[in-house]
C-alpha atoms as a PDB file:
ATOM      1  CA  UNK A   1     135.473 119.320  73.858  1.00  0.00           C
ATOM      2  CA  UNK A   2     134.080 117.100  71.106  1.00  0.00           C
ATOM      3  CA  UNK A   3     134.834 113.931  73.150  1.00  0.00           C
ATOM      4  CA  UNK A   4     133.092 115.404  76.225  1.00  0.00           C
ATOM      5  CA  UNK A   5     130.015 116.300  74.196  1.00  0.00           C
ATOM      6  CA  UNK A   6     129.888 112.795  72.693  1.00  0.00           C
ATOM      7  CA  UNK A   7     130.239 111.205  76.130  1.00  0.00           C
ATOM      8  CA  UNK A   8     127.432 113.341  77.540  1.00  0.00           C
ATOM      9  CA  UNK A   9     125.224 112.496  74.555  1.00  0.00           C
ATOM     10  CA  UNK A  10     125.860 108.767  75.009  1.00  0.00           C
ATOM     11  CA  UNK A  11     125.139 108.943  78.736  1.00  0.00           C
ATOM     12  CA  UNK A  12     121.929 110.854  78.004  1.00  0.00           C
ATOM     13  CA  UNK A  13     120.848 108.229  75.476  1.00  0.00           C
ATOM     14  CA  UNK A  14     121.598 105.394  77.897  1.00  0.00           C
ATOM     15  CA  UNK A  15     119.682 107.171  80.682  1.00  0.00           C
ATOM     16  CA  UNK A  16     116.722 107.734  78.357  1.00  0.00           C
ATOM     17  CA  UNK A  17     116.636 104.024  77.607  1.00  0.00           C
ATOM     18  CA  UNK A  18     116.231 103.311  81.312  1.00  0.00           C
ATOM     19  CA  UNK A  19     119.609 101.671  81.840  1.00  0.00           C
ATOM     20  CA  UNK A  20     120.730 104.472  84.150  1.00  0.00           C
ATOM     21  CA  UNK A  21     118.002 105.807  86.401  1.00  0.00           C
ATOM     22  CA  UNK A  22     117.953 109.299  87.842  1.00  0.00           C
ATOM     23  CA  UNK A  23     119.715 109.553  91.169  1.00  0.00           C
ATOM     24  CA  UNK A  24     116.764 110.075  93.490  1.00  0.00           C
ATOM     25  CA  UNK A  25     117.524 108.044  96.568  1.00  0.00           C
ATOM     26  CA  UNK A  26     115.935 108.743  99.921  1.00  0.00           C
ATOM     27  CA  UNK A  27     117.221 107.687 103.315  1.00  0.00           C
ATOM     28  CA  UNK A  28     114.715 105.883 105.476  1.00  0.00           C
ATOM     29  CA  UNK A  29     113.967 108.176 108.434  1.00  0.00           C
ATOM     30  CA  UNK A  30     114.709 106.829 111.915  1.00  0.00           C
ATOM     31  CA  UNK A  31     112.126 105.198 114.142  1.00  0.00           C
ATOM     32  CA  UNK A  32     111.730 106.079 117.836  1.00  0.00           C
ATOM     33  CA  UNK A  33     114.627 103.742 118.730  1.00  0.00           C
ATOM     34  CA  UNK A  34     117.082 105.266 116.255  1.00  0.00           C
ATOM     35  CA  UNK A  35     116.942 102.464 113.684  1.00  0.00           C
ATOM     36  CA  UNK A  36     115.354 102.882 110.256  1.00  0.00           C
ATOM     37  CA  UNK A  37     111.579 103.312 110.133  1.00  0.00           C
ATOM     38  CA  UNK A  38     111.569 100.339 107.728  1.00  0.00           C
ATOM     39  CA  UNK A  39     114.170  97.792 106.751  1.00  0.00           C
ATOM     40  CA  UNK A  40     114.390  96.629 103.133  1.00  0.00           C
ATOM     41  CA  UNK A  41     112.471  93.470 104.128  1.00  0.00           C
ATOM     42  CA  UNK A  42     109.743  95.556 105.799  1.00  0.00           C
ATOM     43  CA  UNK A  43     109.507  97.902 102.817  1.00  0.00           C
ATOM     44  CA  UNK A  44     109.288  95.038 100.325  1.00  0.00           C
ATOM     45  CA  UNK A  45     106.683  93.080 102.262  1.00  0.00           C
ATOM     46  CA  UNK A  46     104.514  96.103 103.048  1.00  0.00           C
ATOM     47  CA  UNK A  47     104.560  97.758  99.641  1.00  0.00           C
ATOM     48  CA  UNK A  48     104.309  94.541  97.631  1.00  0.00           C
ATOM     49  CA  UNK A  49     101.302  93.335  99.627  1.00  0.00           C
ATOM     50  CA  UNK A  50      99.518  96.672 100.037  1.00  0.00           C
ATOM     51  CA  UNK A  51      99.894  97.801  96.414  1.00  0.00           C
ATOM     52  CA  UNK A  52      98.983  94.430  94.859  1.00  0.00           C
ATOM     53  CA  UNK A  53      95.220  94.942  95.133  1.00  0.00           C
ATOM     54  CA  UNK A  54      93.464  98.321  95.506  1.00  0.00           C
ATOM     55  CA  UNK A  55      91.004  96.725  97.953  1.00  0.00           C
ATOM     56  CA  UNK A  56      93.841  96.323 100.476  1.00  0.00           C
ATOM     57  CA  UNK A  57      94.274 100.076 100.953  1.00  0.00           C
ATOM     58  CA  UNK A  58      90.750 101.237 100.100  1.00  0.00           C
ATOM     59  CA  UNK A  59      89.538 103.482 102.897  1.00  0.00           C
ATOM     60  CA  UNK A  60      92.900 103.207 104.691  1.00  0.00           C
ATOM     61  CA  UNK A  61      95.057 106.218 103.797  1.00  0.00           C
ATOM     62  CA  UNK A  62      97.483 105.392 106.637  1.00  0.00           C
ATOM     63  CA  UNK A  63      98.351 102.018 105.094  1.00  0.00           C
ATOM     64  CA  UNK A  64      98.508 103.506 101.598  1.00  0.00           C
ATOM     65  CA  UNK A  65     100.847 106.292 102.753  1.00  0.00           C
ATOM     66  CA  UNK A  66     103.213 103.796 104.415  1.00  0.00           C
ATOM     67  CA  UNK A  67     103.161 101.480 101.395  1.00  0.00           C
ATOM     68  CA  UNK A  68     103.845 104.282  98.918  1.00  0.00           C
ATOM     69  CA  UNK A  69     106.642 105.674 101.100  1.00  0.00           C
ATOM     70  CA  UNK A  70     108.175 102.182 101.131  1.00  0.00           C
ATOM     71  CA  UNK A  71     107.802 101.794  97.356  1.00  0.00           C
ATOM     72  CA  UNK A  72     109.284 105.231  96.635  1.00  0.00           C
ATOM     73  CA  UNK A  73     112.216 104.501  98.947  1.00  0.00           C
ATOM     74  CA  UNK A  74     112.780 101.086  97.326  1.00  0.00           C
ATOM     75  CA  UNK A  75     112.685 102.556  93.812  1.00  0.00           C
ATOM     76  CA  UNK A  76     115.699 104.715  94.584  1.00  0.00           C
ATOM     77  CA  UNK A  77     117.924 102.151  96.248  1.00  0.00           C
ATOM     78  CA  UNK A  78     121.251 101.516  94.553  1.00  0.00           C
ATOM     79  CA  UNK A  79     121.627  98.184  96.346  1.00  0.00           C
ATOM     80  CA  UNK A  80     119.266  96.598  98.863  1.00  0.00           C
ATOM     81  CA  UNK A  81     121.683  94.299 100.693  1.00  0.00           C
ATOM     82  CA  UNK A  82     123.660  91.134 100.126  1.00  0.00           C
ATOM     83  CA  UNK A  83     120.488  89.208 101.064  1.00  0.00           C
ATOM     84  CA  UNK A  84     119.030  90.292  97.734  1.00  0.00           C
ATOM     85  CA  UNK A  85     121.976  89.297  95.575  1.00  0.00           C
ATOM     86  CA  UNK A  86     123.044  92.951  95.311  1.00  0.00           C
ATOM     87  CA  UNK A  87     119.763  93.753  93.567  1.00  0.00           C
ATOM     88  CA  UNK A  88     119.380  97.469  92.791  1.00  0.00           C
ATOM     89  CA  UNK A  89     115.815  98.645  92.029  1.00  0.00           C
ATOM     90  CA  UNK A  90     117.139 102.021  90.823  1.00  0.00           C
ATOM     91  CA  UNK A  91     118.682 100.275  87.799  1.00  0.00           C
ATOM     92  CA  UNK A  92     115.409  98.585  86.779  1.00  0.00           C
ATOM     93  CA  UNK A  93     113.029 100.234  84.304  1.00  0.00           C
ATOM     94  CA  UNK A  94     109.859  98.799  85.970  1.00  0.00           C
ATOM     95  CA  UNK A  95     110.698 100.492  89.294  1.00  0.00           C
ATOM     96  CA  UNK A  96     110.897 103.892  87.609  1.00  0.00           C
ATOM     97  CA  UNK A  97     107.587 103.217  85.874  1.00  0.00           C
ATOM     98  CA  UNK A  98     105.925 102.136  89.110  1.00  0.00           C
ATOM     99  CA  UNK A  99     107.266 105.173  90.944  1.00  0.00           C
ATOM    100  CA  UNK A 100     105.872 107.527  88.268  1.00  0.00           C
ATOM    101  CA  UNK A 101     102.537 105.673  88.199  1.00  0.00           C
ATOM    102  CA  UNK A 102     102.095 105.730  91.989  1.00  0.00           C
ATOM    103  CA  UNK A 103     103.193 109.345  92.309  1.00  0.00           C
ATOM    104  CA  UNK A 104     100.745 110.317  89.565  1.00  0.00           C
ATOM    105  CA  UNK A 105      97.892 108.603  91.397  1.00  0.00           C
ATOM    106  CA  UNK A 106      98.404 110.685  94.546  1.00  0.00           C
ATOM    107  CA  UNK A 107      99.410 113.924  92.822  1.00  0.00           C
ATOM    108  CA  UNK A 108     103.122 114.163  93.571  1.00  0.00           C
ATOM    109  CA  UNK A 109     104.594 116.946  91.454  1.00  0.00           C
ATOM    110  CA  UNK A 110     107.175 115.830  88.868  1.00  0.00           C
ATOM    111  CA  UNK A 111     110.702 116.358  90.110  1.00  0.00           C
ATOM    112  CA  UNK A 112     109.792 116.102  93.794  1.00  0.00           C
ATOM    113  CA  UNK A 113     112.749 114.461  95.571  1.00  0.00           C
ATOM    114  CA  UNK A 114     112.146 111.002  96.975  1.00  0.00           C
ATOM    115  CA  UNK A 115     113.220 112.189 100.428  1.00  0.00           C
ATOM    116  CA  UNK A 116     110.339 114.685 100.471  1.00  0.00           C
ATOM    117  CA  UNK A 117     107.835 112.020  99.393  1.00  0.00           C
ATOM    118  CA  UNK A 118     109.062 109.426 101.904  1.00  0.00           C
ATOM    119  CA  UNK A 119     109.322 111.829 104.851  1.00  0.00           C
ATOM    120  CA  UNK A 120     105.948 113.460 104.270  1.00  0.00           C
ATOM    121  CA  UNK A 121     104.028 110.238 103.636  1.00  0.00           C
ATOM    122  CA  UNK A 122     105.490 108.608 106.738  1.00  0.00           C
ATOM    123  CA  UNK A 123     104.649 111.741 108.769  1.00  0.00           C
ATOM    124  CA  UNK A 124     101.058 111.614 107.513  1.00  0.00           C
ATOM    125  CA  UNK A 125     100.805 107.893 108.304  1.00  0.00           C
ATOM    126  CA  UNK A 126     102.107 108.503 111.839  1.00  0.00           C
ATOM    127  CA  UNK A 127      99.678 111.410 112.343  1.00  0.00           C
ATOM    128  CA  UNK A 128      96.745 109.315 111.112  1.00  0.00           C
ATOM    129  CA  UNK A 129      97.770 106.456 113.388  1.00  0.00           C
ATOM    130  CA  UNK A 130      98.003 108.803 116.382  1.00  0.00           C
ATOM    131  CA  UNK A 131      94.642 110.436 115.581  1.00  0.00           C
ATOM    132  CA  UNK A 132      96.164 113.905 115.265  1.00  0.00           C
ATOM    133  CA  UNK A 133      93.690 116.664 114.347  1.00  0.00           C
ATOM    134  CA  UNK A 134      95.447 117.741 111.127  1.00  0.00           C
ATOM    135  CA  UNK A 135      97.108 114.589 109.769  1.00  0.00           C
ATOM    136  CA  UNK A 136      97.505 115.904 106.244  1.00  0.00           C
ATOM    137  CA  UNK A 137      99.468 119.082 107.018  1.00  0.00           C
ATOM    138  CA  UNK A 138     102.540 117.582 105.298  1.00  0.00           C
ATOM    139  CA  UNK A 139     100.656 117.121 102.022  1.00  0.00           C
ATOM    140  CA  UNK A 140     100.803 120.750 100.904  1.00  0.00           C
ATOM    141  CA  UNK A 141     101.553 121.971  97.386  1.00  0.00           C
ATOM    142  CA  UNK A 142     103.818 122.329  95.527  1.00  0.00           C
ATOM    143  CA  UNK A 143     105.081 118.779  96.312  1.00  0.00           C
ATOM    144  CA  UNK A 144     101.536 117.381  96.537  1.00  0.00           C
ATOM    145  CA  UNK A 145      99.498 118.989  93.782  1.00  0.00           C
ATOM    146  CA  UNK A 146      96.123 117.715  95.019  1.00  0.00           C
ATOM    147  CA  UNK A 147      96.542 119.469  98.366  1.00  0.00           C
ATOM    148  CA  UNK A 148      95.958 117.790 101.734  1.00  0.00           C
ATOM    149  CA  UNK A 149      92.315 116.777 101.300  1.00  0.00           C
ATOM    150  CA  UNK A 150      92.762 115.634  97.700  1.00  0.00           C
ATOM    151  CA  UNK A 151      95.880 113.605  98.501  1.00  0.00           C
ATOM    152  CA  UNK A 152      94.191 111.925 101.482  1.00  0.00           C
ATOM    153  CA  UNK A 153      91.227 111.061  99.235  1.00  0.00           C
ATOM    154  CA  UNK A 154      93.605 109.637  96.605  1.00  0.00           C
ATOM    155  CA  UNK A 155      95.428 107.585  99.277  1.00  0.00           C
ATOM    156  CA  UNK A 156      92.092 106.157 100.419  1.00  0.00           C
ATOM    157  CA  UNK A 157      91.174 105.109  96.879  1.00  0.00           C
ATOM    158  CA  UNK A 158      94.298 103.927  95.022  1.00  0.00           C
ATOM    159  CA  UNK A 159      93.886 102.494  91.521  1.00  0.00           C
ATOM    160  CA  UNK A 160      95.510  99.251  90.341  1.00  0.00           C
ATOM    161  CA  UNK A 161      99.133  99.782  89.306  1.00  0.00           C
ATOM    162  CA  UNK A 162     100.054  98.131  86.011  1.00  0.00           C
ATOM    163  CA  UNK A 163     103.808  98.287  86.702  1.00  0.00           C
ATOM    164  CA  UNK A 164     103.591  96.702  90.154  1.00  0.00           C
ATOM    165  CA  UNK A 165     104.087  93.084  89.077  1.00  0.00           C
ATOM    166  CA  UNK A 166     107.109  93.862  86.917  1.00  0.00           C
ATOM    167  CA  UNK A 167     108.760  95.917  89.648  1.00  0.00           C
ATOM    168  CA  UNK A 168     108.474  93.236  92.324  1.00  0.00           C
ATOM    169  CA  UNK A 169     109.138  90.155  90.175  1.00  0.00           C
ATOM    170  CA  UNK A 170     112.900  90.050  90.814  1.00  0.00           C
ATOM    171  CA  UNK A 171     112.434  90.584  94.528  1.00  0.00           C
ATOM    172  CA  UNK A 172     109.996  87.656  94.576  1.00  0.00           C
ATOM    173  CA  UNK A 173     112.860  85.304  93.791  1.00  0.00           C
ATOM    174  CA  UNK A 174     114.255  86.070  97.223  1.00  0.00           C
ATOM    175  CA  UNK A 175     111.103  85.515  99.287  1.00  0.00           C
ATOM    176  CA  UNK A 176     112.541  82.350 100.827  1.00  0.00           C
ATOM    177  CA  UNK A 177     115.749  83.974 102.107  1.00  0.00           C
ATOM    178  CA  UNK A 178     114.743  84.123 105.819  1.00  0.00           C
ATOM    179  CA  UNK A 179     114.402  80.330 105.940  1.00  0.00           C
ATOM    180  CA  UNK A 180     117.755  79.646 104.328  1.00  0.00           C
ATOM    181  CA  UNK A 181     116.066  77.481 101.697  1.00  0.00           C
ATOM    182  CA  UNK A 182     116.845  77.837  98.046  1.00  0.00           C
ATOM    183  CA  UNK A 183     114.317  78.030  95.230  1.00  0.00           C
ATOM    184  CA  UNK A 184     115.085  75.600  92.404  1.00  0.00           C
ATOM    185  CA  UNK A 185     115.210  78.483  89.932  1.00  0.00           C
ATOM    186  CA  UNK A 186     117.551  80.480  92.145  1.00  0.00           C
ATOM    187  CA  UNK A 187     120.110  77.837  93.274  1.00  0.00           C
END
């Protein structure tokens, strides 16, 4: 009993230090062809670009919803793919910080599972793209504390995210992978 308690205490301390992140991994929902709505490459490119500067998403809640869904999905991945050198955002402290910062900006309730965030934001983005009459129906409390109108307004006016650069820095080392070239610092 004493050994079990000590082990749990050590694991709790390690998790609190950010070495072990909470297990909150979403699955990317399927697209109309049965593949994932976004690949890791798509998610990285979209979220990195769209969340870099608030002007990119200002007035465009559809883009912001897609970018945040991609970022939240990335933050929970245990391993992206061999293309990324087995990089796992879930093990990185900056990804957890970025996820909390972004969720706070759009009023996601603490403890909301990533799958709920990803599914609902992608549904809202699809509804906005299709011009549906009630695109924000998926943004109801308790998961989205600002309610539909407040969350849409927050998506249309995202703030700068201080943790964004730190979260994406390791993925930036792999930006040349589609060409087969090797960065001098990564060879």
